Amino acid sequence: MEKKQLGNTDLYTSPIIFGGNVFGWTVNEKQSFDLLDKILDMGINHIDTADVYSRWAEGNSGGESETIIGKYFQDRGGRDKHIIATKVGSSMQQGGDKDISKKHIMKAVEDSLKRLQTDYIDLYYTHWDDNKTPVEETLGAYQQLIKEGKVRYIGASNLSEDRLQDSLDASKNEGLPKYEVFQPEYSLVKRDKFENGIRKICMENNLGVASYFSLASGFLTGKYNSKDDVEGSSREMFLKDYFDERGKKILKALKDISDHRNISQAGIALRWIMERPGTTAPIASVTKSGHLQSFREAMENELSKEEMENLNQASN
């Protein structure tokens, strides 16, 4: 499996990053261990999580995903052979304020390290912007953590164009650490925000790009055909707006290729991201080991120019 460099780091990621948001939410600890066994056996070496995952599940308070990942690597070993990425900035309280102040980061990183049962985090993301902390303060906190060996590299997710550019300028002008990876929401149904500005900044500054919601919360798998299919489910809030004419066109384009190639729509949707300009690797998750076949399909099947164009046109 050919791995891809993340920005200017010495981290080389598998072509697909596994999203650990499902751990402790839609899969329990035992199921999570089984998935991790199979993921790592496939050669996927990059696990993405966040301190707040999986806070939204009933009875959870946040940190459950990190805790499961930490237990797994303590039990199985091999921590040093894999990339663990986590995030800071969201509140552990429902409806709480975002916070990327130095005070919050220094406390949150210790909590994440404890849950992950590790001495260092390979890639530490600013999860959400609080739109008030000076970028120099946030980067200064990361500078201290890198110096202490608790964080290797930093990334950002969900920053506006202006705040991302301000951060990159501060890194250059003030000798502060630079965001090396950007994590946007990006998929066949969510293109505009990344493609209309952020991508240019990422490419100009050689930032790795790891997309989240790469399968649009399952919409692009073809499992759901109407709002009725998701009504009352945990995915309703994510999917309810996708069942319009554009969404139907996207699903039809995916199905046409799927039927012709005899590979899953999910595999095709992931491969589309892998072949788009400026992207490094999509983040995706599954809840059943059988669904990992779509990862293999995405990694093993290139799309033709015609297939890419059909998908581009359907999702315009």
Protein backbone atom coordinates (compact mmCIF):
# COMPACT_ATOMS: atom_id res chain seq x y z
CA MET A 1 0.00 0.00 0.00
CA GLU A 2 1.47 3.32 -1.05
CA LYS A 3 1.29 5.86 1.74
CA LYS A 4 0.99 9.61 1.29
CA GLN A 5 2.95 12.32 3.09
CA LEU A 6 0.94 14.68 5.26
CA GLY A 7 2.12 18.19 4.43
CA ASN A 8 5.77 18.75 5.33
CA THR A 9 5.73 16.21 8.15
CA ASP A 10 7.39 12.82 8.36
CA LEU A 11 3.94 11.27 8.81
CA TYR A 12 2.88 9.03 5.94
CA THR A 13 -0.77 8.07 5.97
CA SER A 14 -2.63 5.20 4.40
CA PRO A 15 -4.85 6.29 1.48
CA ILE A 16 -7.86 6.15 3.82
CA ILE A 17 -7.96 7.39 7.42
CA PHE A 18 -10.27 5.61 9.82
CA GLY A 19 -12.69 7.87 11.64
CA GLY A 20 -12.89 6.96 15.31
CA ASN A 21 -16.08 8.94 15.93
CA VAL A 22 -18.02 5.66 15.93
CA PHE A 23 -16.06 4.22 18.88
CA GLY A 24 -18.23 4.37 21.98
CA TRP A 25 -21.18 5.68 19.95
CA THR A 26 -22.50 3.29 17.31
CA VAL A 27 -20.05 0.51 18.22
CA ASN A 28 -19.14 -0.62 21.73
CA GLU A 29 -15.65 -1.35 23.02
CA LYS A 30 -15.57 -5.00 21.94
CA GLN A 31 -16.82 -4.16 18.46
CA SER A 32 -14.32 -1.29 18.26
CA PHE A 33 -11.44 -3.64 19.06
CA ASP A 34 -12.60 -6.01 16.33
CA LEU A 35 -12.80 -3.18 13.80
CA LEU A 36 -9.36 -1.90 14.77
CA ASP A 37 -7.88 -5.38 14.34
CA LYS A 38 -9.25 -5.58 10.81
CA ILE A 39 -8.39 -1.99 9.90
CA LEU A 40 -4.77 -2.39 10.94
CA ASP A 41 -4.54 -5.76 9.17
CA MET A 42 -5.59 -3.95 5.98
CA GLY A 43 -2.63 -1.60 6.34
CA ILE A 44 -4.62 1.44 7.48
CA ASN A 45 -2.23 3.16 9.86
CA HIS A 46 -4.04 6.41 10.70
CA ILE A 47 -6.83 6.74 13.29
CA ASP A 48 -8.64 10.06 13.66
CA THR A 49 -10.53 11.01 16.80
CA ALA A 50 -11.30 14.01 19.03
CA ASP A 51 -11.57 14.70 22.74
CA VAL A 52 -15.35 15.17 22.48
CA TYR A 53 -16.06 11.91 20.63
CA SER A 54 -18.54 10.34 21.46
CA ARG A 55 -20.15 12.88 23.75
CA TRP A 56 -23.49 12.88 21.91
CA ALA A 57 -24.35 9.26 22.71
CA GLU A 58 -26.76 8.76 25.58
CA GLY A 59 -24.92 8.38 28.87
CA ASN A 60 -21.60 9.61 27.46
CA SER A 61 -19.68 12.70 28.56
CA GLY A 62 -16.94 12.83 25.92
CA GLY A 63 -13.58 11.10 25.62
CA GLU A 64 -15.06 7.65 25.02
CA SER A 65 -13.44 7.27 21.59
CA GLU A 66 -9.99 8.27 22.86
CA THR A 67 -10.37 5.90 25.81
CA ILE A 68 -11.17 2.94 23.56
CA ILE A 69 -8.22 3.71 21.26
CA GLY A 70 -5.93 3.99 24.27
CA LYS A 71 -7.08 0.66 25.67
CA TYR A 72 -6.66 -0.98 22.29
CA PHE A 73 -3.03 -0.01 21.80
CA GLN A 74 -2.19 -0.85 25.41
CA ASP A 75 -3.65 -4.31 24.82
CA ARG A 76 -2.34 -4.96 21.30
CA GLY A 77 0.83 -2.85 21.20
CA GLY A 78 2.19 -1.19 18.07
CA ARG A 79 1.40 2.37 19.10
CA ASP A 80 4.61 3.68 17.51
CA LYS A 81 3.70 2.21 14.11
CA HIS A 82 0.46 4.16 13.77
CA ILE A 83 -0.68 7.75 13.48
CA ILE A 84 -3.09 8.90 16.15
CA ALA A 85 -4.76 12.22 15.47
CA THR A 86 -7.03 13.96 17.96
CA LYS A 87 -8.51 17.41 18.40
CA VAL A 88 -9.07 20.23 20.86
CA GLY A 89 -11.41 23.20 20.98
CA SER A 90 -14.89 21.78 21.41
CA SER A 91 -16.63 21.84 24.76
CA MET A 92 -17.31 18.65 26.69
CA GLN A 93 -20.61 20.25 27.70
CA GLN A 94 -23.57 20.13 25.31
CA GLY A 95 -23.93 23.64 23.91
CA GLY A 96 -20.72 24.81 25.56
CA ASP A 97 -18.47 27.42 24.02
CA LYS A 98 -15.57 26.61 21.71
CA ASP A 99 -12.19 27.37 23.29
CA ILE A 100 -8.71 27.42 21.76
CA SER A 101 -7.06 29.51 24.46
CA LYS A 102 -3.69 28.40 25.78
CA LYS A 103 -5.24 27.60 29.17
CA HIS A 104 -7.81 25.28 27.64
CA ILE A 105 -5.37 23.58 25.28
CA MET A 106 -2.84 22.84 28.04
CA LYS A 107 -5.52 21.19 30.18
CA ALA A 108 -7.23 19.36 27.31
CA VAL A 109 -4.03 17.82 25.96
CA GLU A 110 -3.25 16.22 29.32
CA ASP A 111 -6.74 14.72 29.44
CA SER A 112 -6.37 13.36 25.89
CA LEU A 113 -2.94 11.87 26.61
CA LYS A 114 -4.33 10.15 29.69
CA ARG A 115 -7.28 8.68 27.83
CA LEU A 116 -5.12 7.61 24.90
CA GLN A 117 -2.56 6.10 27.33
CA THR A 118 0.30 7.56 25.32
CA ASP A 119 3.11 10.06 25.82
CA TYR A 120 2.55 11.90 22.57
CA ILE A 121 -0.03 12.77 19.93
CA ASP A 122 1.12 12.48 16.33
CA LEU A 123 -1.25 15.09 14.94
CA TYR A 124 -3.14 17.55 17.14
CA TYR A 125 -5.91 19.56 15.49
CA THR A 126 -7.62 22.81 16.34
CA HIS A 127 -11.10 21.30 16.08
CA TRP A 128 -13.23 24.44 15.93
CA ASP A 129 -12.33 28.11 16.06
CA ASP A 130 -13.61 30.22 18.94
CA ASN A 131 -13.12 33.31 16.74
CA LYS A 132 -11.66 35.32 19.59
CA THR A 133 -8.38 33.81 20.77
CA PRO A 134 -5.41 35.42 18.98
CA VAL A 135 -3.92 32.90 16.57
CA GLU A 136 -0.50 33.61 18.13
CA GLU A 137 -1.78 32.42 21.53
CA THR A 138 -3.10 29.15 20.11
CA LEU A 139 0.06 28.47 18.11
CA GLY A 140 2.18 29.42 21.12
CA ALA A 141 0.46 26.74 23.18
CA TYR A 142 1.22 24.20 20.47
CA GLN A 143 4.82 25.39 20.34
CA GLN A 144 5.21 24.56 24.02
CA LEU A 145 3.60 21.14 23.59
CA ILE A 146 5.87 20.32 20.64
CA LYS A 147 8.91 21.41 22.66
CA GLU A 148 7.79 19.16 25.51
CA GLY A 149 7.38 16.21 23.11
CA LYS A 150 3.66 15.83 23.80
CA VAL A 151 2.63 16.76 20.25
CA ARG A 152 4.52 16.02 17.04
CA TYR A 153 2.60 18.09 14.48
CA ILE A 154 -0.47 20.30 14.40
CA GLY A 155 -3.45 20.64 12.09
CA ALA A 156 -6.65 22.64 11.85
CA SER A 157 -10.26 21.84 11.09
CA ASN A 158 -13.23 24.08 10.30
CA LEU A 159 -11.29 27.36 10.28
CA SER A 160 -12.43 30.14 7.99
CA GLU A 161 -10.20 31.21 5.12
CA ASP A 162 -9.18 34.34 7.01
CA ARG A 163 -8.31 32.60 10.27
CA LEU A 164 -6.41 29.86 8.48
CA GLN A 165 -4.41 32.41 6.49
CA ASP A 166 -3.79 34.51 9.62
CA SER A 167 -2.48 31.40 11.38
CA LEU A 168 -0.15 30.54 8.52
CA ASP A 169 1.10 34.14 8.38
CA ALA A 170 1.76 34.12 12.13
CA SER A 171 3.70 30.87 11.82
CA LYS A 172 5.91 32.39 9.15
CA ASN A 173 6.38 35.82 10.71
CA GLU A 174 6.59 34.88 14.39
CA GLY A 175 8.51 31.61 14.18
CA LEU A 176 5.55 29.64 15.49
CA PRO A 177 4.58 26.07 14.53
CA LYS A 178 2.67 25.74 11.26
CA TYR A 179 -0.54 23.87 10.66
CA GLU A 180 0.56 20.99 8.41
CA VAL A 181 -2.84 19.40 7.78
CA PHE A 182 -6.28 20.86 7.23
CA GLN A 183 -9.44 18.87 7.85
CA PRO A 184 -12.50 20.16 5.96
CA GLU A 185 -15.92 18.69 5.44
CA TYR A 186 -15.67 17.51 1.84
CA SER A 187 -17.61 15.03 -0.26
CA LEU A 188 -19.62 14.80 -3.45
CA VAL A 189 -22.48 16.59 -1.69
CA LYS A 190 -20.34 19.16 0.16
CA ARG A 191 -17.87 20.77 -2.25
CA ASP A 192 -18.19 24.55 -2.24
CA LYS A 193 -16.65 25.57 1.07
CA PHE A 194 -13.41 23.68 0.46
CA GLU A 195 -13.08 24.18 -3.26
CA ASN A 196 -13.91 27.90 -3.26
CA GLY A 197 -10.94 29.25 -1.32
CA ILE A 198 -9.63 26.90 1.34
CA ARG A 199 -8.16 24.45 -1.18
CA LYS A 200 -6.06 27.21 -2.77
CA ILE A 201 -4.59 28.15 0.61
CA CYS A 202 -3.84 24.50 1.39
CA MET A 203 -2.13 23.90 -1.93
CA GLU A 204 -0.09 27.12 -1.78
CA ASN A 205 1.19 26.19 1.69
CA ASN A 206 1.60 22.45 1.05
CA LEU A 207 -0.93 21.45 3.68
CA GLY A 208 -2.12 17.89 3.77
CA VAL A 209 -5.90 17.61 3.45
CA ALA A 210 -7.91 14.95 5.27
CA SER A 211 -11.62 15.23 4.50
CA TYR A 212 -14.29 14.39 7.05
CA PHE A 213 -17.90 13.29 6.39
CA SER A 214 -16.40 11.83 3.21
CA LEU A 215 -19.47 9.63 2.72
CA ALA A 216 -21.88 12.36 3.86
CA SER A 217 -22.87 10.40 6.96
CA GLY A 218 -23.76 7.36 4.84
CA PHE A 219 -25.83 9.17 2.22
CA LEU A 220 -23.34 8.34 -0.54
CA THR A 221 -23.41 4.62 0.21
CA GLY A 222 -26.83 4.41 -1.47
CA LYS A 223 -28.32 2.85 1.63
CA TYR A 224 -30.87 5.64 1.99
CA ASN A 225 -33.19 6.68 -0.83
CA SER A 226 -35.55 9.15 0.82
CA LYS A 227 -36.14 11.17 3.98
CA ASP A 228 -38.43 8.40 5.18
CA ASP A 229 -35.46 6.04 5.35
CA VAL A 230 -33.70 8.19 7.98
CA GLU A 231 -36.65 9.63 9.87
CA GLY A 232 -36.22 9.08 13.59
CA SER A 233 -32.69 7.67 13.21
CA SER A 234 -29.42 9.04 14.62
CA ARG A 235 -28.49 10.15 11.10
CA GLU A 236 -31.61 12.17 10.37
CA MET A 237 -30.07 15.51 11.36
CA PHE A 238 -27.13 14.91 9.01
CA LEU A 239 -29.01 13.54 6.00
CA LYS A 240 -32.42 15.21 5.87
CA ASP A 241 -31.30 17.99 3.50
CA TYR A 242 -29.57 15.75 0.95
CA PHE A 243 -32.68 14.25 -0.65
CA ASP A 244 -33.15 16.97 -3.27
CA GLU A 245 -32.73 16.84 -7.05
CA ARG A 246 -28.98 17.33 -6.82
CA GLY A 247 -28.70 14.54 -4.29
CA LYS A 248 -30.66 12.22 -6.55
CA LYS A 249 -28.34 13.03 -9.47
CA ILE A 250 -25.30 12.22 -7.37
CA LEU A 251 -26.74 8.89 -6.25
CA LYS A 252 -27.64 8.00 -9.84
CA ALA A 253 -24.12 8.79 -11.07
CA LEU A 254 -22.66 6.64 -8.30
CA LYS A 255 -25.07 3.78 -9.04
CA ASP A 256 -24.28 3.85 -12.76
CA ILE A 257 -20.56 3.43 -12.05
CA SER A 258 -21.24 0.91 -9.29
CA ASP A 259 -23.34 -1.26 -11.58
CA HIS A 260 -20.76 -1.07 -14.37
CA ARG A 261 -17.76 -1.74 -12.15
CA ASN A 262 -19.44 -4.10 -9.68
CA ILE A 263 -17.99 -2.16 -6.75
CA SER A 264 -19.80 -0.29 -4.00
CA GLN A 265 -21.02 3.28 -4.22
CA ALA A 266 -19.10 4.00 -1.03
CA GLY A 267 -15.87 2.82 -2.62
CA ILE A 268 -16.48 5.07 -5.62
CA ALA A 269 -17.31 8.11 -3.46
CA LEU A 270 -14.11 7.65 -1.47
CA ARG A 271 -12.04 7.18 -4.61
CA TRP A 272 -13.47 10.41 -6.03
CA ILE A 273 -12.01 12.31 -3.07
CA MET A 274 -8.68 10.51 -3.39
CA GLU A 275 -8.39 11.69 -7.00
CA ARG A 276 -9.49 15.29 -6.46
CA PRO A 277 -6.84 18.06 -6.61
CA GLY A 278 -5.39 19.09 -3.28
CA THR A 279 -6.64 16.17 -1.20
CA THR A 280 -4.43 13.69 0.66
CA ALA A 281 -6.80 11.11 2.14
CA PRO A 282 -10.48 10.86 3.08
CA ILE A 283 -11.56 10.04 6.61
CA ALA A 284 -14.25 7.36 6.73
CA SER A 285 -15.70 5.02 9.31
CA VAL A 286 -17.80 1.89 9.38
CA THR A 287 -19.74 0.06 12.06
CA LYS A 288 -19.50 -3.43 10.57
CA SER A 289 -16.37 -5.20 9.36
CA GLY A 290 -18.10 -6.23 6.15
CA HIS A 291 -18.31 -2.59 5.14
CA LEU A 292 -14.51 -2.37 5.03
CA GLN A 293 -14.72 -3.87 1.56
CA SER A 294 -15.52 -0.37 0.29
CA PHE A 295 -12.14 0.80 1.62
CA ARG A 296 -10.36 -1.91 -0.35
CA GLU A 297 -12.32 -0.99 -3.47
CA ALA A 298 -11.41 2.67 -3.12
CA MET A 299 -7.73 1.89 -2.67
CA GLU A 300 -7.56 -0.60 -5.54
CA ASN A 301 -9.71 0.97 -8.28
CA GLU A 302 -8.86 4.12 -10.20
CA LEU A 303 -11.70 6.03 -11.81
CA SER A 304 -11.55 6.91 -15.49
CA LYS A 305 -11.61 10.52 -16.68
CA GLU A 306 -15.15 9.97 -17.93
CA GLU A 307 -16.29 8.57 -14.57
CA MET A 308 -14.71 11.47 -12.69
CA GLU A 309 -16.35 13.95 -15.04
CA ASN A 310 -19.76 12.31 -14.62
CA LEU A 311 -19.45 12.58 -10.85
CA ASN A 312 -18.22 16.18 -11.09
CA GLN A 313 -21.14 17.16 -13.29
CA ALA A 314 -23.74 15.42 -11.12
CA SER A 315 -22.43 17.15 -8.00
CA ASN A 316 -21.96 20.65 -9.44
